[in-house]
Protein backbone atom coordinates (compact mmCIF):
# COMPACT_ATOMS: atom_id res chain seq x y z
CA MET A 1 88.18 73.94 184.91
CA THR A 2 89.98 70.79 186.02
CA PRO A 3 93.54 70.94 187.40
CA ASN A 4 94.93 69.59 184.10
CA GLU A 5 93.22 72.25 182.01
CA SER A 6 94.70 75.67 181.51
CA PRO A 7 92.88 78.82 180.51
CA ASP A 8 92.79 79.72 176.83
CA TRP A 9 95.20 82.60 177.35
CA ARG A 10 95.34 83.36 173.61
CA ARG A 11 91.61 84.09 173.62
CA GLN A 12 91.90 85.93 176.94
CA VAL A 13 94.29 88.47 175.41
CA PHE A 14 91.53 89.55 173.04
CA ASP A 15 88.76 89.30 175.65
CA VAL A 16 90.60 91.48 178.17
CA LEU A 17 91.45 94.11 175.55
CA LYS A 18 87.83 94.19 174.37
CA ALA A 19 86.53 94.45 177.95
CA ALA A 20 88.95 97.34 178.57
CA GLY A 21 87.33 99.29 175.74
CA VAL A 22 90.17 98.91 173.24
CA LYS A 23 88.93 100.02 169.81
CA HIS A 24 92.27 99.87 167.94
CA ILE A 25 94.81 97.06 167.80
CA ALA A 26 98.02 97.89 165.98
CA TYR A 27 100.35 95.01 165.15
CA VAL A 28 103.06 93.44 163.06
CA PRO A 29 101.91 89.86 162.30
CA ASP A 30 103.11 87.37 164.90
CA ALA A 31 102.15 83.74 165.49
CA GLY A 32 101.98 84.23 169.26
CA HIS A 33 99.25 86.84 168.82
CA ALA A 34 97.45 85.01 165.98
CA THR A 35 94.27 84.23 167.94
CA ALA A 36 93.85 87.77 169.30
CA LEU A 37 94.59 89.24 165.87
CA ARG A 38 92.12 86.97 164.11
CA LEU A 39 89.41 87.87 166.63
CA ALA A 40 90.20 91.60 166.38
CA GLU A 41 90.04 91.52 162.59
CA ALA A 42 86.64 89.80 162.78
CA ASP A 43 85.21 92.22 165.36
CA PRO A 44 83.28 95.12 163.79
CA ASP A 45 83.92 97.30 166.88
CA ILE A 46 87.71 97.04 166.62
CA THR A 47 90.01 98.49 164.00
CA ALA A 48 92.97 96.13 163.50
CA VAL A 49 95.86 97.90 161.78
CA VAL A 50 98.76 96.00 160.25
CA LEU A 51 102.02 97.94 160.64
CA THR A 52 105.18 97.79 158.58
CA THR A 53 107.24 98.34 161.73
CA GLU A 54 106.28 98.40 165.40
CA GLU A 55 107.17 102.00 166.18
CA GLU A 56 104.43 103.15 163.79
CA GLY A 57 101.98 101.70 166.30
CA ILE A 58 102.98 104.20 168.99
CA GLY A 59 102.08 107.16 166.78
CA TYR A 60 98.89 105.43 165.70
CA LEU A 61 97.86 104.84 169.33
CA ALA A 62 98.65 108.46 170.22
CA GLY A 63 96.30 109.56 167.44
CA ALA A 64 93.60 107.14 168.58
CA TRP A 65 93.85 108.53 172.12
CA LEU A 66 93.65 112.11 170.85
CA GLY A 67 90.53 111.01 169.00
CA GLY A 68 89.04 109.72 172.25
CA GLU A 69 89.60 106.00 171.71
CA ARG A 70 91.74 103.34 173.33
CA GLY A 71 94.25 101.15 171.56
CA ALA A 72 96.90 98.52 172.17
CA LEU A 73 100.09 97.52 170.38
CA LEU A 74 100.69 93.78 169.94
CA MET A 75 104.25 92.87 169.02
CA GLN A 76 107.12 90.44 169.43
CA SER A 77 110.09 91.24 171.68
CA SER A 78 112.28 91.95 168.65
CA GLY A 79 109.90 94.83 167.83
CA VAL A 80 110.57 96.48 171.19
CA GLY A 81 114.02 97.37 169.90
CA ASN A 82 112.39 99.19 167.00
CA CYS A 83 110.30 101.26 169.42
CA ILE A 84 112.91 102.62 171.82
CA ASN A 85 113.19 106.11 170.30
CA THR A 86 109.44 106.41 169.69
CA LEU A 87 108.68 105.47 173.30
CA GLY A 88 109.98 108.97 174.05
CA LEU A 89 106.66 110.22 172.62
CA VAL A 90 104.80 108.21 175.26
CA ALA A 91 106.99 109.66 178.01
CA MET A 92 106.74 113.26 176.80
CA ALA A 93 103.05 113.32 175.76
CA ARG A 94 101.96 111.19 178.75
CA PHE A 95 99.19 109.36 176.93
CA PRO A 96 98.05 105.88 177.98
CA PHE A 97 100.12 103.17 176.33
CA LEU A 98 99.41 99.44 176.46
CA THR A 99 101.42 96.78 174.69
CA VAL A 100 101.38 92.99 174.78
CA VAL A 101 104.74 91.49 173.84
CA THR A 102 105.35 87.88 172.83
CA MET A 103 108.86 86.94 173.86
CA ARG A 104 111.63 85.52 171.70
CA GLY A 105 115.24 85.09 172.82
CA ASP A 106 113.81 83.61 175.97
CA TRP A 107 113.62 80.06 177.33
CA ALA A 108 114.42 77.36 174.71
CA GLU A 109 115.07 79.81 171.85
CA PHE A 110 116.53 78.07 168.79
CA ASN A 111 117.32 81.25 166.85
CA GLN A 112 120.42 82.87 168.35
CA HIS A 113 119.64 86.16 166.59
CA GLN A 114 116.55 86.59 168.81
CA ASN A 115 118.58 86.37 172.03
CA PRO A 116 120.06 89.89 172.34
CA MET A 117 116.77 91.80 172.13
CA GLY A 118 114.84 89.07 173.91
CA GLN A 119 117.18 89.33 176.88
CA ALA A 120 117.06 93.16 176.84
CA THR A 121 113.32 93.64 176.26
CA GLU A 122 112.12 94.08 179.84
CA ALA A 123 115.04 96.29 180.86
CA ALA A 124 114.71 98.43 177.72
CA LEU A 125 111.01 99.01 178.36
CA LYS A 126 111.67 99.90 182.00
CA LEU A 127 114.45 102.32 181.02
CA MET A 128 111.91 104.09 178.78
CA GLY A 129 109.43 104.41 181.67
CA VAL A 130 107.17 101.49 180.73
CA MET A 131 105.91 99.38 183.65
CA THR A 132 106.19 95.67 182.86
CA TRP A 133 104.68 92.41 184.05
CA ARG A 134 105.59 88.96 182.80
CA ALA A 135 103.23 86.02 182.27
CA ASP A 136 104.81 82.57 182.09
CA ALA A 137 101.69 80.56 183.00
CA PRO A 138 98.25 80.61 181.34
CA GLN A 139 96.43 81.61 184.54
CA ASP A 140 98.57 84.76 184.83
CA VAL A 141 97.68 86.31 181.46
CA ALA A 142 94.18 87.67 182.10
CA PRO A 143 94.80 89.20 185.55
CA LEU A 144 98.12 90.76 184.53
CA LEU A 145 96.69 92.19 181.31
CA LYS A 146 93.55 93.45 183.07
CA GLY A 147 95.69 95.18 185.68
CA ALA A 148 97.97 96.69 183.04
CA ALA A 149 94.98 97.94 181.05
CA THR A 150 93.58 99.59 184.17
CA MET A 151 96.90 101.27 184.92
CA ALA A 152 97.28 102.41 181.30
CA PHE A 153 93.76 103.68 180.62
CA GLU A 154 92.62 104.80 184.06
CA GLY A 155 96.01 105.90 185.37
CA ASP A 156 97.55 107.30 182.17
CA GLY A 157 100.42 104.85 182.47
CA ALA A 158 102.75 103.17 180.01
CA CYS A 159 102.33 99.43 180.52
CA ALA A 160 103.57 96.20 178.94
CA VAL A 161 102.66 92.59 179.54
CA LEU A 162 105.36 90.19 178.39
CA LEU A 163 104.18 86.73 177.31
CA GLY A 164 107.11 84.41 177.98
CA GLN A 165 108.19 81.54 175.75
CA ARG A 166 107.33 79.02 178.47
CA LEU A 167 103.74 80.24 178.08
CA ILE A 168 103.78 80.41 174.28
CA GLY A 169 105.59 77.11 173.90
CA GLU A 170 108.93 76.00 172.57
CA LYS A 171 109.41 76.82 168.91
CA ALA A 172 110.95 74.31 166.54
CA TRP A 173 113.22 75.00 163.60
CA VAL A 174 111.27 74.08 160.45
CA GLN A 175 113.05 73.74 157.12
């Protein structure tokens, strides 16, 4: 890779999850996760489950774990707010939890309604006992996600990797 090239972090999200033995990906559709979701849906070894709301994914992943399989929840930062109460299940049942969160209400956000939860996402996760790491550069995604997957699945931890808007790219208002 030349200095001007950056890793295909969107593909790496899927590749790291697959390498970690993830068999279930629960998600609410999100453009930031589009590549990983498309690859998961096409992979016969992975069950990709569309949710109506993010907190459903926590119960789904608990069931997958009880069934002996690994899963991950892919969501946007606004969905973290929907999960706060349900994260109590992760804390009380102490099952491995891994989520990858695309950030809104972050750098260069045009939609002011995304700002409150975007600014509170990391703190809210930490308050609920979820360890967090933030990737703002393409080269950070794979190592942070691999480390979080190890801590979740081998160490029975609750882990989140936040994909910042500087990584995802500035969004534009489209009418």
